[in-house]
Amino acid sequence: MSETPEWLDDKGKIIEHKYCRCFLEKQPMLSKGEDFFTTEGIVTDKDRLLRDVFDDIKEHLTGGLVTKAKNLLEAIRMECYDRGELEMYYAALRAKIVHLTTPRR
C-alpha cells in the first residue's frame, strides 16, 4: 500500500468530505443537475471521473470498490454543486475561446 491519504481515517475508512475536497483540488469543477462542468465546459465522460475515483481508492479498500466509487462521485457532485458560480466557469471558457480564435500578428 502507498502512503495513507489525509481522507482515510485510522481505521481505514474514507472521510467523504475530505476525499471530495482533495478530489476537487486536483480536478476543479462544478455540478448542476446531473452534469459536471470545468473551465473547459461540460464533462462528457462521467465514466472517466468514476474511474479517477476508483483509482484513488483501490489501494486503500478491500471490497465494494465500484459501489464506493459511485457513492463518492455522488458526494463530489453535492460538494461542488453550483451555487451561482457556473457563470464564472462559462466566462472563463468564453475568454479561452476568444483567445484561441483571435488571430496572432
C-alpha atoms as a PDB file:
ATOM      1  CA  MET A   1       0.000   0.000   0.000  1.00  0.00           C
ATOM      2  CA  SER A   2       1.050   3.533  -0.623  1.00  0.00           C
ATOM      3  CA  GLU A   3       1.181   6.428   1.832  1.00  0.00           C
ATOM      4  CA  THR A   4      -2.054   6.943   3.775  1.00  0.00           C
ATOM      5  CA  PRO A   5      -4.008   9.852   2.304  1.00  0.00           C
ATOM      6  CA  GLU A   6      -5.493  12.545   4.535  1.00  0.00           C
ATOM      7  CA  TRP A   7      -9.013  11.399   3.624  1.00  0.00           C
ATOM      8  CA  LEU A   8      -8.528   7.973   5.207  1.00  0.00           C
ATOM      9  CA  ASP A   9      -9.100   7.605   8.941  1.00  0.00           C
ATOM     10  CA  ASP A  10      -7.024   5.419  11.268  1.00  0.00           C
ATOM     11  CA  LYS A  11      -9.498   2.531  10.803  1.00  0.00           C
ATOM     12  CA  GLY A  12      -9.168   2.585   7.021  1.00  0.00           C
ATOM     13  CA  LYS A  13     -12.499   4.295   6.358  1.00  0.00           C
ATOM     14  CA  ILE A  14     -12.863   7.124   3.873  1.00  0.00           C
ATOM     15  CA  ILE A  15     -13.782  10.508   5.315  1.00  0.00           C
ATOM     16  CA  GLU A  16     -16.042  11.539   2.445  1.00  0.00           C
ATOM     17  CA  HIS A  17     -15.968  15.320   2.800  1.00  0.00           C
ATOM     18  CA  LYS A  18     -12.157  15.273   2.948  1.00  0.00           C
ATOM     19  CA  TYR A  19     -11.989  12.990  -0.082  1.00  0.00           C
ATOM     20  CA  CYS A  20     -14.295  15.320  -2.018  1.00  0.00           C
ATOM     21  CA  ARG A  21     -12.166  18.335  -1.131  1.00  0.00           C
ATOM     22  CA  CYS A  22      -8.959  16.564  -2.212  1.00  0.00           C
ATOM     23  CA  PHE A  23     -10.547  15.359  -5.453  1.00  0.00           C
ATOM     24  CA  LEU A  24     -11.812  18.829  -6.310  1.00  0.00           C
ATOM     25  CA  GLU A  25      -8.405  20.357  -5.581  1.00  0.00           C
ATOM     26  CA  LYS A  26      -6.963  18.046  -8.244  1.00  0.00           C
ATOM     27  CA  GLN A  27      -9.889  18.423 -10.640  1.00  0.00           C
ATOM     28  CA  PRO A  28     -11.751  21.694 -10.022  1.00  0.00           C
ATOM     29  CA  MET A  29     -15.327  21.604 -11.264  1.00  0.00           C
ATOM     30  CA  LEU A  30     -18.918  22.468 -10.532  1.00  0.00           C
ATOM     31  CA  SER A  31     -22.074  20.438 -10.926  1.00  0.00           C
ATOM     32  CA  LYS A  32     -25.566  21.363 -11.979  1.00  0.00           C
ATOM     33  CA  GLY A  33     -28.223  18.674 -12.121  1.00  0.00           C
ATOM     34  CA  GLU A  34     -26.541  15.515 -13.353  1.00  0.00           C
ATOM     35  CA  ASP A  35     -23.750  17.348 -15.169  1.00  0.00           C
ATOM     36  CA  PHE A  36     -20.233  18.330 -14.179  1.00  0.00           C
ATOM     37  CA  PHE A  37     -18.540  21.439 -15.590  1.00  0.00           C
ATOM     38  CA  THR A  38     -14.911  22.520 -15.743  1.00  0.00           C
ATOM     39  CA  THR A  39     -13.459  25.684 -17.232  1.00  0.00           C
ATOM     40  CA  GLU A  40     -13.237  23.637 -20.452  1.00  0.00           C
ATOM     41  CA  GLY A  41     -17.008  23.116 -20.495  1.00  0.00           C
ATOM     42  CA  ILE A  42     -19.297  20.194 -19.727  1.00  0.00           C
ATOM     43  CA  VAL A  43     -17.703  16.900 -18.716  1.00  0.00           C
ATOM     44  CA  THR A  44     -18.946  14.428 -21.320  1.00  0.00           C
ATOM     45  CA  ASP A  45     -17.182  11.338 -19.960  1.00  0.00           C
ATOM     46  CA  LYS A  46     -18.533  10.790 -16.455  1.00  0.00           C
ATOM     47  CA  ASP A  47     -17.149   7.258 -16.509  1.00  0.00           C
ATOM     48  CA  ARG A  48     -13.676   8.806 -16.600  1.00  0.00           C
ATOM     49  CA  LEU A  49     -14.479  10.677 -13.383  1.00  0.00           C
ATOM     50  CA  LEU A  50     -15.741   7.435 -11.861  1.00  0.00           C
ATOM     51  CA  ARG A  51     -12.521   5.716 -12.915  1.00  0.00           C
ATOM     52  CA  ASP A  52     -10.444   8.508 -11.358  1.00  0.00           C
ATOM     53  CA  VAL A  53     -12.266   7.989  -8.046  1.00  0.00           C
ATOM     54  CA  PHE A  54     -11.851   4.217  -8.351  1.00  0.00           C
ATOM     55  CA  ASP A  55      -8.109   4.623  -8.960  1.00  0.00           C
ATOM     56  CA  ASP A  56      -7.800   6.850  -5.898  1.00  0.00           C
ATOM     57  CA  ILE A  57      -9.424   4.369  -3.536  1.00  0.00           C
ATOM     58  CA  LYS A  58      -8.471   0.942  -4.893  1.00  0.00           C
ATOM     59  CA  GLU A  59      -5.261   0.634  -2.894  1.00  0.00           C
ATOM     60  CA  HIS A  60      -6.985   1.564   0.350  1.00  0.00           C
ATOM     61  CA  LEU A  61     -10.158  -0.548   0.380  1.00  0.00           C
ATOM     62  CA  THR A  62     -10.575  -4.297   0.087  1.00  0.00           C
ATOM     63  CA  GLY A  63     -14.097  -4.618  -1.285  1.00  0.00           C
ATOM     64  CA  GLY A  64     -17.105  -2.803  -2.626  1.00  0.00           C
ATOM     65  CA  LEU A  65     -14.885  -0.540  -4.714  1.00  0.00           C
ATOM     66  CA  VAL A  66     -17.319   0.197  -7.529  1.00  0.00           C
ATOM     67  CA  THR A  67     -20.186   0.975  -5.153  1.00  0.00           C
ATOM     68  CA  LYS A  68     -17.947   3.175  -3.009  1.00  0.00           C
ATOM     69  CA  ALA A  69     -16.605   4.970  -6.101  1.00  0.00           C
ATOM     70  CA  LYS A  70     -20.166   5.663  -7.293  1.00  0.00           C
ATOM     71  CA  ASN A  71     -21.170   6.933  -3.853  1.00  0.00           C
ATOM     72  CA  LEU A  72     -18.084   9.154  -3.691  1.00  0.00           C
ATOM     73  CA  LEU A  73     -18.806  10.572  -7.141  1.00  0.00           C
ATOM     74  CA  GLU A  74     -22.300  11.446  -5.938  1.00  0.00           C
ATOM     75  CA  ALA A  75     -20.777  13.087  -2.844  1.00  0.00           C
ATOM     76  CA  ILE A  76     -18.433  15.041  -5.141  1.00  0.00           C
ATOM     77  CA  ARG A  77     -21.470  16.159  -7.154  1.00  0.00           C
ATOM     78  CA  MET A  78     -23.071  17.510  -3.975  1.00  0.00           C
ATOM     79  CA  GLU A  79     -19.823  19.102  -2.785  1.00  0.00           C
ATOM     80  CA  CYS A  80     -19.323  21.044  -5.996  1.00  0.00           C
ATOM     81  CA  TYR A  81     -22.987  21.826  -6.644  1.00  0.00           C
ATOM     82  CA  ASP A  82     -23.304  25.200  -8.361  1.00  0.00           C
ATOM     83  CA  ARG A  83     -24.442  27.971  -6.085  1.00  0.00           C
ATOM     84  CA  GLY A  84     -24.166  30.655  -8.730  1.00  0.00           C
ATOM     85  CA  GLU A  85     -20.522  30.097  -9.736  1.00  0.00           C
ATOM     86  CA  LEU A  86     -21.259  28.377 -13.038  1.00  0.00           C
ATOM     87  CA  GLU A  87     -21.374  31.725 -14.842  1.00  0.00           C
ATOM     88  CA  MET A  88     -17.753  32.250 -13.757  1.00  0.00           C
ATOM     89  CA  TYR A  89     -16.814  28.974 -15.464  1.00  0.00           C
ATOM     90  CA  TYR A  90     -18.648  29.975 -18.633  1.00  0.00           C
ATOM     91  CA  ALA A  91     -16.880  33.359 -18.623  1.00  0.00           C
ATOM     92  CA  ALA A  92     -13.503  31.603 -18.336  1.00  0.00           C
ATOM     93  CA  LEU A  93     -14.472  29.274 -21.165  1.00  0.00           C
ATOM     94  CA  ARG A  94     -15.585  32.169 -23.381  1.00  0.00           C
ATOM     95  CA  ALA A  95     -12.313  34.012 -22.663  1.00  0.00           C
ATOM     96  CA  LYS A  96     -10.339  30.921 -23.615  1.00  0.00           C
ATOM     97  CA  ILE A  97     -12.305  30.532 -26.859  1.00  0.00           C
ATOM     98  CA  VAL A  98     -11.742  34.185 -27.748  1.00  0.00           C
ATOM     99  CA  HIS A  99      -8.032  33.807 -27.011  1.00  0.00           C
ATOM    100  CA  LEU A 100      -7.785  30.681 -29.177  1.00  0.00           C
ATOM    101  CA  THR A 101      -9.712  32.176 -32.077  1.00  0.00           C
ATOM    102  CA  THR A 102      -8.052  35.614 -32.099  1.00  0.00           C
ATOM    103  CA  PRO A 103      -5.549  35.789 -34.966  1.00  0.00           C
ATOM    104  CA  ARG A 104      -1.950  36.401 -33.945  1.00  0.00           C
ATOM    105  CA  ARG A 105       0.037  39.109 -35.634  1.00  0.00           C
END
